[in-house]
Amino acid sequence: MIEILNEIRKLDERELLSYWIEGEYEEARVYSQLADRAEELGLPKEVVDTFRRLSEESKGHGDDLYVVYREKYGKELVKVDIPNVETTHVVGRFWMVEDIEDVLRNALDAEKLAETIYRKLAEEAQGELGELYLELAEEEFGHYKALLEVAKALGLEIEGKEKEECEKT
């Protein structure tokens, strides 16, 4: 994960926006897939609904970033070949109900990492973009808390560990 962070730091603003737009849309797809799989496995409605809500919110994040991007750079995103920090390890092997703990742990780590990165970007960016990054950081923290509630509802006591790794960088 640290390697990905180091690569992100090398991106210019246009590349960075493209990276996060694509990442938020990918995260929306992943949460939608998680909701479908949770439903197939008969997990509680609260779990399914939370994954669906996180999918919709992630799409909204991508839309918000894309508005800023279009104003500055036009419609066409630039290609950035860096794995998405939020989805790289989230889906994994979610084949059985027993896998949900691992999925949630990875999702918690990813959300905390995204929050941390957005906060750092907010510190470095100016104006509207800085405000947007800060807002997205808060929303990623909201995702983190929502996933903790899902774990709690399932009787799981887990927390992500990515925060400590992020703070080392």
C-alpha atoms as a PDB file:
ATOM      1  CA  MET A   1       0.000   0.000   0.000  1.00  0.00           C
ATOM      2  CA  ILE A   2       2.884   2.370   0.734  1.00  0.00           C
ATOM      3  CA  GLU A   3       4.109   1.894  -2.852  1.00  0.00           C
ATOM      4  CA  ILE A   4       0.716   3.060  -4.137  1.00  0.00           C
ATOM      5  CA  LEU A   5       0.865   6.135  -1.892  1.00  0.00           C
ATOM      6  CA  ASN A   6       4.310   6.994  -3.195  1.00  0.00           C
ATOM      7  CA  GLU A   7       3.074   6.734  -6.800  1.00  0.00           C
ATOM      8  CA  ILE A   8       0.031   8.922  -6.029  1.00  0.00           C
ATOM      9  CA  ARG A   9       2.322  11.619  -4.640  1.00  0.00           C
ATOM     10  CA  LYS A  10       4.017  11.903  -8.066  1.00  0.00           C
ATOM     11  CA  LEU A  11       0.791  12.774  -9.908  1.00  0.00           C
ATOM     12  CA  ASP A  12      -0.004  16.297 -11.072  1.00  0.00           C
ATOM     13  CA  GLU A  13      -3.449  17.754 -10.333  1.00  0.00           C
ATOM     14  CA  ARG A  14      -5.060  16.547 -13.576  1.00  0.00           C
ATOM     15  CA  GLU A  15      -3.746  13.008 -13.128  1.00  0.00           C
ATOM     16  CA  LEU A  16      -4.733  13.010  -9.477  1.00  0.00           C
ATOM     17  CA  LEU A  17      -8.296  14.064 -10.247  1.00  0.00           C
ATOM     18  CA  SER A  18      -8.534  11.422 -12.984  1.00  0.00           C
ATOM     19  CA  TYR A  19      -7.213   8.806 -10.579  1.00  0.00           C
ATOM     20  CA  TRP A  20      -9.775   9.637  -7.888  1.00  0.00           C
ATOM     21  CA  ILE A  21     -12.685   9.936 -10.313  1.00  0.00           C
ATOM     22  CA  GLU A  22     -12.007   6.493 -11.754  1.00  0.00           C
ATOM     23  CA  GLY A  23     -11.362   5.166  -8.240  1.00  0.00           C
ATOM     24  CA  GLU A  24     -14.658   6.434  -6.859  1.00  0.00           C
ATOM     25  CA  TYR A  25     -16.579   4.920  -9.782  1.00  0.00           C
ATOM     26  CA  GLU A  26     -14.743   1.631  -9.295  1.00  0.00           C
ATOM     27  CA  GLU A  27     -15.510   1.714  -5.579  1.00  0.00           C
ATOM     28  CA  ALA A  28     -19.198   2.250  -6.429  1.00  0.00           C
ATOM     29  CA  ARG A  29     -19.118  -0.887  -8.603  1.00  0.00           C
ATOM     30  CA  VAL A  30     -17.369  -2.899  -5.886  1.00  0.00           C
ATOM     31  CA  TYR A  31     -19.856  -1.910  -3.182  1.00  0.00           C
ATOM     32  CA  SER A  32     -22.711  -2.762  -5.551  1.00  0.00           C
ATOM     33  CA  GLN A  33     -21.161  -6.212  -6.109  1.00  0.00           C
ATOM     34  CA  LEU A  34     -20.733  -6.641  -2.351  1.00  0.00           C
ATOM     35  CA  ALA A  35     -24.396  -5.762  -1.822  1.00  0.00           C
ATOM     36  CA  ASP A  36     -25.468  -8.314  -4.435  1.00  0.00           C
ATOM     37  CA  ARG A  37     -23.265 -11.000  -2.904  1.00  0.00           C
ATOM     38  CA  ALA A  38     -24.394 -10.204   0.656  1.00  0.00           C
ATOM     39  CA  GLU A  39     -27.988 -10.522  -0.524  1.00  0.00           C
ATOM     40  CA  GLU A  40     -27.267 -13.868  -2.236  1.00  0.00           C
ATOM     41  CA  LEU A  41     -25.702 -15.145   0.992  1.00  0.00           C
ATOM     42  CA  GLY A  42     -28.721 -14.104   3.025  1.00  0.00           C
ATOM     43  CA  LEU A  43     -26.860 -11.589   5.175  1.00  0.00           C
ATOM     44  CA  PRO A  44     -29.018  -9.139   7.146  1.00  0.00           C
ATOM     45  CA  LYS A  45     -30.818  -6.427   5.173  1.00  0.00           C
ATOM     46  CA  GLU A  46     -28.819  -3.798   7.077  1.00  0.00           C
ATOM     47  CA  VAL A  47     -25.595  -5.156   5.545  1.00  0.00           C
ATOM     48  CA  VAL A  48     -27.014  -5.179   2.019  1.00  0.00           C
ATOM     49  CA  ASP A  49     -28.506  -1.702   2.433  1.00  0.00           C
ATOM     50  CA  THR A  50     -25.241  -0.288   3.785  1.00  0.00           C
ATOM     51  CA  PHE A  51     -23.266  -1.637   0.829  1.00  0.00           C
ATOM     52  CA  ARG A  52     -25.860  -0.190  -1.584  1.00  0.00           C
ATOM     53  CA  ARG A  53     -25.726   3.210   0.140  1.00  0.00           C
ATOM     54  CA  LEU A  54     -21.914   3.221   0.030  1.00  0.00           C
ATOM     55  CA  SER A  55     -22.104   2.400  -3.680  1.00  0.00           C
ATOM     56  CA  GLU A  56     -24.408   5.353  -4.343  1.00  0.00           C
ATOM     57  CA  GLU A  57     -22.275   7.713  -2.247  1.00  0.00           C
ATOM     58  CA  SER A  58     -19.078   6.646  -4.012  1.00  0.00           C
ATOM     59  CA  LYS A  59     -20.686   7.309  -7.384  1.00  0.00           C
ATOM     60  CA  GLY A  60     -21.666  10.744  -6.073  1.00  0.00           C
ATOM     61  CA  HIS A  61     -18.056  11.373  -5.015  1.00  0.00           C
ATOM     62  CA  GLY A  62     -16.899  10.519  -8.520  1.00  0.00           C
ATOM     63  CA  ASP A  63     -19.548  12.806 -10.015  1.00  0.00           C
ATOM     64  CA  ASP A  64     -18.479  15.703  -7.759  1.00  0.00           C
ATOM     65  CA  LEU A  65     -14.832  15.286  -8.694  1.00  0.00           C
ATOM     66  CA  TYR A  66     -15.718  14.994 -12.377  1.00  0.00           C
ATOM     67  CA  VAL A  67     -17.526  18.359 -12.266  1.00  0.00           C
ATOM     68  CA  VAL A  68     -14.321  20.011 -11.015  1.00  0.00           C
ATOM     69  CA  TYR A  69     -12.249  18.100 -13.578  1.00  0.00           C
ATOM     70  CA  ARG A  70     -14.464  19.122 -16.525  1.00  0.00           C
ATOM     71  CA  GLU A  71     -14.289  22.785 -15.507  1.00  0.00           C
ATOM     72  CA  LYS A  72     -10.486  22.683 -15.537  1.00  0.00           C
ATOM     73  CA  TYR A  73      -9.515  20.061 -18.104  1.00  0.00           C
ATOM     74  CA  GLY A  74     -12.502  19.097 -20.270  1.00  0.00           C
ATOM     75  CA  LYS A  75     -14.329  15.787 -20.489  1.00  0.00           C
ATOM     76  CA  GLU A  76     -11.551  13.319 -21.283  1.00  0.00           C
ATOM     77  CA  LEU A  77      -9.823  11.782 -18.266  1.00  0.00           C
ATOM     78  CA  VAL A  78      -6.139  10.954 -18.464  1.00  0.00           C
ATOM     79  CA  LYS A  79      -5.077   7.348 -17.963  1.00  0.00           C
ATOM     80  CA  VAL A  80      -3.317   6.696 -14.657  1.00  0.00           C
ATOM     81  CA  ASP A  81      -1.807   3.239 -14.154  1.00  0.00           C
ATOM     82  CA  ILE A  82      -1.848   3.041 -10.367  1.00  0.00           C
ATOM     83  CA  PRO A  83      -4.041   0.491  -8.546  1.00  0.00           C
ATOM     84  CA  ASN A  84      -7.025   1.930  -6.741  1.00  0.00           C
ATOM     85  CA  VAL A  85      -6.294   2.236  -3.014  1.00  0.00           C
ATOM     86  CA  GLU A  86      -9.908   1.704  -2.055  1.00  0.00           C
ATOM     87  CA  THR A  87     -10.769  -1.390  -4.070  1.00  0.00           C
ATOM     88  CA  THR A  88      -7.526  -3.285  -4.596  1.00  0.00           C
ATOM     89  CA  HIS A  89      -8.147  -5.743  -1.743  1.00  0.00           C
ATOM     90  CA  VAL A  90     -11.784  -5.227  -0.847  1.00  0.00           C
ATOM     91  CA  VAL A  91     -13.726  -7.842  -2.780  1.00  0.00           C
ATOM     92  CA  GLY A  92     -11.219 -10.642  -2.380  1.00  0.00           C
ATOM     93  CA  ARG A  93     -12.898 -13.991  -1.964  1.00  0.00           C
ATOM     94  CA  PHE A  94     -16.411 -13.209  -0.796  1.00  0.00           C
ATOM     95  CA  TRP A  95     -17.879 -16.617  -1.558  1.00  0.00           C
ATOM     96  CA  MET A  96     -19.159 -17.674   1.853  1.00  0.00           C
ATOM     97  CA  VAL A  97     -20.745 -15.892   4.792  1.00  0.00           C
ATOM     98  CA  GLU A  98     -17.556 -16.611   6.744  1.00  0.00           C
ATOM     99  CA  ASP A  99     -15.644 -14.358   4.348  1.00  0.00           C
ATOM    100  CA  ILE A 100     -17.528 -11.235   5.439  1.00  0.00           C
ATOM    101  CA  GLU A 101     -15.096 -10.484   8.279  1.00  0.00           C
ATOM    102  CA  ASP A 102     -12.148 -10.365   5.895  1.00  0.00           C
ATOM    103  CA  VAL A 103     -14.126  -8.273   3.381  1.00  0.00           C
ATOM    104  CA  LEU A 104     -15.120  -5.799   6.095  1.00  0.00           C
ATOM    105  CA  ARG A 105     -11.595  -5.587   7.484  1.00  0.00           C
ATOM    106  CA  ASN A 106     -10.207  -4.802   4.029  1.00  0.00           C
ATOM    107  CA  ALA A 107     -12.987  -2.307   3.323  1.00  0.00           C
ATOM    108  CA  LEU A 108     -12.309  -0.568   6.657  1.00  0.00           C
ATOM    109  CA  ASP A 109      -8.625  -0.339   5.816  1.00  0.00           C
ATOM    110  CA  ALA A 110      -9.404   1.057   2.370  1.00  0.00           C
ATOM    111  CA  GLU A 111     -11.829   3.678   3.665  1.00  0.00           C
ATOM    112  CA  LYS A 112      -9.398   4.838   6.356  1.00  0.00           C
ATOM    113  CA  LEU A 113      -6.611   5.043   3.807  1.00  0.00           C
ATOM    114  CA  ALA A 114      -8.784   7.061   1.414  1.00  0.00           C
ATOM    115  CA  GLU A 115      -9.784   9.399   4.239  1.00  0.00           C
ATOM    116  CA  THR A 116      -6.147   9.958   5.180  1.00  0.00           C
ATOM    117  CA  ILE A 117      -5.106  10.630   1.580  1.00  0.00           C
ATOM    118  CA  TYR A 118      -8.003  13.019   0.950  1.00  0.00           C
ATOM    119  CA  ARG A 119      -7.076  14.934   4.129  1.00  0.00           C
ATOM    120  CA  LYS A 120      -3.474  15.257   2.971  1.00  0.00           C
ATOM    121  CA  LEU A 121      -4.640  16.393  -0.461  1.00  0.00           C
ATOM    122  CA  ALA A 122      -6.941  18.964   1.163  1.00  0.00           C
ATOM    123  CA  GLU A 123      -3.959  20.407   3.020  1.00  0.00           C
ATOM    124  CA  GLU A 124      -2.011  20.772  -0.227  1.00  0.00           C
ATOM    125  CA  ALA A 125      -4.809  21.905  -2.568  1.00  0.00           C
ATOM    126  CA  GLN A 126      -6.284  25.381  -2.674  1.00  0.00           C
ATOM    127  CA  GLY A 127      -9.755  26.803  -3.066  1.00  0.00           C
ATOM    128  CA  GLU A 128     -12.648  24.705  -4.294  1.00  0.00           C
ATOM    129  CA  LEU A 129     -10.560  21.588  -4.814  1.00  0.00           C
ATOM    130  CA  GLY A 130      -9.167  21.706  -1.276  1.00  0.00           C
ATOM    131  CA  GLU A 131     -12.676  22.075   0.123  1.00  0.00           C
ATOM    132  CA  LEU A 132     -13.896  19.173  -2.000  1.00  0.00           C
ATOM    133  CA  TYR A 133     -11.042  16.927  -0.823  1.00  0.00           C
ATOM    134  CA  LEU A 134     -11.869  17.775   2.792  1.00  0.00           C
ATOM    135  CA  GLU A 135     -15.539  16.999   2.205  1.00  0.00           C
ATOM    136  CA  LEU A 136     -14.599  13.684   0.596  1.00  0.00           C
ATOM    137  CA  ALA A 137     -12.338  12.857   3.555  1.00  0.00           C
ATOM    138  CA  GLU A 138     -15.301  13.353   5.885  1.00  0.00           C
ATOM    139  CA  GLU A 139     -17.488  11.155   3.696  1.00  0.00           C
ATOM    140  CA  GLU A 140     -14.837   8.411   3.615  1.00  0.00           C
ATOM    141  CA  PHE A 141     -14.759   8.555   7.415  1.00  0.00           C
ATOM    142  CA  GLY A 142     -18.542   8.177   7.311  1.00  0.00           C
ATOM    143  CA  HIS A 143     -18.082   5.058   5.182  1.00  0.00           C
ATOM    144  CA  TYR A 144     -15.599   3.751   7.746  1.00  0.00           C
ATOM    145  CA  LYS A 145     -18.110   4.271  10.569  1.00  0.00           C
ATOM    146  CA  ALA A 146     -20.905   2.655   8.526  1.00  0.00           C
ATOM    147  CA  LEU A 147     -18.752  -0.421   7.938  1.00  0.00           C
ATOM    148  CA  LEU A 148     -17.970  -0.600  11.668  1.00  0.00           C
ATOM    149  CA  GLU A 149     -21.728  -0.599  12.311  1.00  0.00           C
ATOM    150  CA  VAL A 150     -22.164  -3.457   9.821  1.00  0.00           C
ATOM    151  CA  ALA A 151     -19.470  -5.433  11.640  1.00  0.00           C
ATOM    152  CA  LYS A 152     -21.136  -4.695  14.957  1.00  0.00           C
ATOM    153  CA  ALA A 153     -24.542  -5.805  13.597  1.00  0.00           C
ATOM    154  CA  LEU A 154     -22.934  -9.085  12.534  1.00  0.00           C
ATOM    155  CA  GLY A 155     -21.350  -9.548  15.962  1.00  0.00           C
ATOM    156  CA  LEU A 156     -17.826  -8.962  14.663  1.00  0.00           C
ATOM    157  CA  GLU A 157     -15.277  -6.901  16.563  1.00  0.00           C
ATOM    158  CA  ILE A 158     -12.914  -5.645  13.909  1.00  0.00           C
ATOM    159  CA  GLU A 159     -11.213  -2.409  13.053  1.00  0.00           C
ATOM    160  CA  GLY A 160      -8.998  -1.506  10.176  1.00  0.00           C
ATOM    161  CA  LYS A 161      -5.258  -1.305  10.631  1.00  0.00           C
ATOM    162  CA  GLU A 162      -4.387   0.828   7.596  1.00  0.00           C
ATOM    163  CA  LYS A 163      -4.417   4.057   9.609  1.00  0.00           C
ATOM    164  CA  GLU A 164      -1.139   3.240  11.347  1.00  0.00           C
ATOM    165  CA  GLU A 165       0.489   2.340   8.040  1.00  0.00           C
ATOM    166  CA  CYS A 166      -0.714   5.620   6.507  1.00  0.00           C
ATOM    167  CA  GLU A 167       0.614   7.657   9.361  1.00  0.00           C
ATOM    168  CA  LYS A 168       4.073   6.165   8.820  1.00  0.00           C
ATOM    169  CA  THR A 169       4.262   7.589   5.299  1.00  0.00           C
END
